[in-house]
Protein backbone atom coordinates (compact mmCIF):
# COMPACT_ATOMS: atom_id res chain seq x y z
CA MET A 1 62.22 19.22 -2.99
CA ASN A 2 62.01 17.64 0.44
CA ASP A 3 62.16 13.98 0.84
CA HIS A 4 60.81 12.97 4.13
CA PRO A 5 57.48 12.86 4.95
CA ALA A 6 56.24 16.10 6.07
CA GLU A 7 56.73 15.62 10.64
CA VAL A 8 53.24 14.99 12.45
CA PHE A 9 53.05 16.95 16.13
CA PRO A 10 51.25 15.20 19.13
CA TRP A 11 47.30 16.86 19.82
CA PHE A 12 47.12 19.05 22.48
CA ALA A 13 43.91 20.21 24.80
CA LEU A 14 43.72 24.45 25.41
CA ARG A 15 42.22 25.51 28.02
CA VAL A 16 40.32 28.97 26.36
CA TRP A 17 38.22 31.60 28.00
CA SER A 18 34.33 31.09 28.86
CA HIS A 19 32.77 31.45 24.79
CA HIS A 20 36.30 32.33 23.28
CA GLU A 21 36.76 28.93 21.61
CA LYS A 22 35.56 30.05 18.06
CA SER A 23 37.56 32.84 18.90
CA VAL A 24 41.20 31.11 19.70
CA ALA A 25 40.66 28.72 17.42
CA ALA A 26 40.34 30.88 14.27
CA GLN A 27 43.30 33.12 16.00
CA LEU A 28 44.91 29.73 15.58
CA GLU A 29 44.45 28.98 12.22
CA ALA A 30 45.87 32.13 10.42
CA LYS A 31 48.60 31.43 12.57
CA GLU A 32 48.89 28.31 10.61
CA PHE A 33 48.90 25.52 13.35
CA LYS A 34 45.91 22.34 12.58
CA VAL A 35 43.26 23.03 15.31
CA PHE A 36 40.26 21.14 16.07
CA LEU A 37 36.95 22.45 17.75
CA PRO A 38 34.02 20.39 17.44
CA LEU A 39 31.08 21.75 17.87
CA TYR A 40 27.42 20.42 17.67
CA SER A 41 23.69 22.00 17.71
CA SER A 42 21.34 23.11 19.78
CA LYS A 43 18.26 24.72 18.87
CA ARG A 44 17.69 27.39 21.82
CA ARG A 45 14.06 29.47 22.11
CA TRP A 46 14.99 32.66 21.91
CA ALA A 47 11.61 35.33 23.08
CA ASP A 48 10.62 35.37 19.80
CA ARG A 49 12.27 32.03 17.78
CA TRP A 50 14.15 28.90 17.79
CA LYS A 51 17.21 29.34 16.52
CA THR A 52 20.53 26.47 16.25
CA LEU A 53 23.33 27.47 16.81
CA HIS A 54 27.22 26.04 17.10
CA LEU A 55 28.29 25.41 20.33
CA PRO A 56 31.58 23.01 21.86
CA LEU A 57 31.23 20.33 21.81
CA PHE A 58 34.35 20.97 24.75
CA PRO A 59 33.17 23.92 26.24
CA GLY A 60 36.42 26.10 27.47
CA TYR A 61 38.92 23.72 25.26
CA VAL A 62 40.27 23.89 21.81
CA PHE A 63 42.22 21.00 20.27
CA CYS A 64 45.83 22.43 18.58
CA GLN A 65 48.52 20.77 16.91
CA PHE A 66 52.13 21.41 17.26
CA ASP A 67 55.51 21.20 18.54
CA ALA A 68 55.90 21.15 21.97
CA ALA A 69 58.53 22.77 21.85
CA ARG A 70 57.99 25.88 20.08
CA ARG A 71 55.03 26.32 22.12
CA THR A 72 55.93 30.30 22.53
CA ARG A 73 53.23 30.97 18.82
CA VAL A 74 50.31 28.83 20.97
CA LEU A 75 50.81 30.85 23.99
CA ALA A 76 50.89 34.32 22.23
CA THR A 77 47.10 33.52 21.49
CA SER A 78 44.38 35.69 23.04
CA GLY A 79 41.85 34.68 24.99
CA LEU A 80 44.04 31.76 25.55
CA ILE A 81 44.47 30.53 29.36
CA GLU A 82 47.00 27.46 28.97
CA ILE A 83 48.10 24.19 27.67
CA VAL A 84 46.87 21.36 29.82
CA ARG A 85 49.90 19.42 31.30
CA PHE A 86 50.57 16.93 33.73
CA GLY A 87 52.23 18.84 36.52
CA SER A 88 55.44 20.89 34.24
CA GLU A 89 55.01 18.31 31.15
CA LEU A 90 52.67 19.56 28.38
CA ALA A 91 49.84 16.07 28.34
CA PRO A 92 49.55 15.07 24.80
CA ILE A 93 46.02 13.61 23.61
CA LYS A 94 46.07 10.14 21.39
CA THR A 95 45.67 10.61 17.41
CA ILE A 96 43.00 8.25 17.86
CA GLU A 97 41.20 10.11 20.56
CA ILE A 98 41.09 12.64 18.29
CA GLU A 99 39.80 10.97 15.76
CA ALA A 100 37.18 9.30 16.88
CA ILE A 101 36.10 12.76 17.93
CA GLN A 102 36.82 13.27 14.37
CA ARG A 103 34.31 11.37 13.26
CA ILE A 104 31.47 11.50 15.43
CA VAL A 105 31.41 15.40 14.44
CA ASP A 106 31.51 14.39 11.08
CA SER A 107 28.57 11.94 10.76
CA PRO A 108 24.92 12.01 10.34
CA LEU A 109 24.54 11.57 13.80
CA ALA A 110 23.31 13.69 16.70
CA VAL A 111 25.65 14.38 19.32
CA THR A 112 25.48 16.38 22.10
CA PRO A 113 27.92 16.90 25.23
CA TYR A 114 27.57 14.43 28.06
CA PRO A 115 29.43 14.57 31.29
CA ARG A 116 31.37 12.33 32.24
CA MET A 117 29.42 10.17 35.06
CA ALA A 118 31.14 8.17 38.01
CA ALA A 119 30.29 5.63 40.39
CA GLY A 120 29.57 8.20 43.47
CA GLU A 121 29.44 11.00 42.74
CA ARG A 122 26.93 13.02 43.43
CA VAL A 123 24.34 14.40 40.56
CA ALA A 124 21.37 16.55 40.56
CA ILE A 125 17.86 16.10 38.87
CA SER A 126 17.53 18.51 36.17
CA GLY A 127 14.25 18.01 35.04
CA GLY A 128 11.15 15.58 34.97
CA PRO A 129 9.09 15.48 37.95
CA LEU A 130 11.74 15.12 39.71
CA ASN A 131 13.41 18.36 39.03
CA GLY A 132 15.56 19.68 41.96
CA LEU A 133 16.45 16.36 43.72
CA GLU A 134 20.13 15.21 44.71
CA GLY A 135 21.51 11.65 44.41
CA THR A 136 24.07 9.64 44.56
CA LEU A 137 25.05 7.77 41.36
CA MET A 138 26.01 4.11 42.72
CA GLU A 139 26.90 2.48 39.24
CA VAL A 140 26.72 3.31 35.75
CA ARG A 141 25.30 0.97 32.54
CA ARG A 142 22.50 1.28 30.27
CA GLY A 143 19.19 2.26 31.63
CA LEU A 144 18.75 4.73 35.16
CA ARG A 145 16.75 3.72 37.83
CA LEU A 146 17.18 6.40 40.99
CA VAL A 147 17.30 4.76 44.11
CA VAL A 148 15.20 7.11 46.78
CA SER A 149 15.51 5.97 50.32
CA VAL A 150 13.93 7.20 53.69
CA GLU A 151 16.23 6.50 56.45
CA MET A 152 14.36 6.21 59.95
CA LEU A 153 12.14 3.39 58.46
CA GLN A 154 15.11 2.35 56.69
CA ARG A 155 13.35 1.52 53.20
CA SER A 156 14.22 2.88 49.95
CA VAL A 157 11.70 3.57 46.44
CA LEU A 158 13.66 2.77 42.83
CA VAL A 159 12.02 5.11 40.24
CA GLU A 160 13.49 4.94 36.47
CA ILE A 161 13.53 7.78 35.24
CA ASP A 162 15.28 9.82 31.94
CA ARG A 163 19.67 10.76 31.57
CA GLU A 164 19.01 13.44 30.52
CA TRP A 165 17.99 14.77 33.81
CA VAL A 166 21.20 13.88 35.43
CA ILE A 167 23.80 16.44 36.20
CA PRO A 168 26.94 16.37 38.00
CA CYS A 169 26.45 18.66 41.11
CA GLU A 170 28.88 21.65 40.63
CA GLN A 171 26.71 21.87 37.50
CA ARG A 172 23.76 22.90 38.63
CA LYS A 173 22.86 27.11 39.50
CA ASN A 174 20.45 26.56 42.01
CA ALA A 175 23.07 25.87 44.94
CA SER A 176 19.26 26.54 47.36
CA SER A 177 18.65 23.28 49.53
CA LYS A 178 17.11 20.40 47.78
CA PRO A 179 15.01 17.44 49.47
CA LEU A 180 17.89 14.71 49.10
CA LEU A 181 17.94 11.26 47.88
CA TYR A 182 20.20 7.92 48.63
CA GLY A 183 21.25 6.89 45.57
CA ALA A 184 21.36 6.43 41.28
CA SER A 185 22.13 3.99 39.82
CA GLU A 186 21.80 3.06 35.86
CA VAL A 187 21.14 -0.96 35.42
CA ALA A 188 21.24 -3.39 32.51
C-alpha cells in the first residue's frame, strides 16, 4: 500500500490540428492521461434546421496533465502538433487558471470564446450597420464605443457599437479593401 499521496503533475496546453481537439482528447484519455477540453454550446443554422454544436472554447488546443519528463506518450498522439513551450522549455499552465475555466464551463452560465484584444490592436466590425469597417482599439473597459475620424477635416464622430461586432483584424476572412476607422475605444 502506498502511504504517499498521488503525485500531481502540471497542466500543459497542447496545440492540435484544426478540428481535431475531440479526437486528441479521446486518444489521451485512452492512454489514461488527465485531459481537459472545455466546450461551449453554439446554435448554428443549417439549410433546413438549427443544430446545437459543442465546440472547443479554445480552438486548436487541448489541456493535459502529465509528467514533463515522460512526454513521449503524449507526443505520440495523432493530431497533436506540439506542446506549448517558452523557447525549449515546456510552459506549464497554472492550476488555478485551469480550475477557473473548469468552474466556468461547469456553471449554468452561457460561455463563448472571446478574442483577447489589446489597446492599439487593429479591429474589424463584423456585424451591424458598420459591418466591414476597420479601426484601432484605443482602450479596453466595459462599454464599447467606436471613433470614426475624417483626417482632412480633423474631426471625429463617436458611435456606440455592440461588443459582439468587434473582432481582431487577423480573424477577418475577407481581406478586401474597406473604409478605415481611426479609433475604437471602450469606456465605462
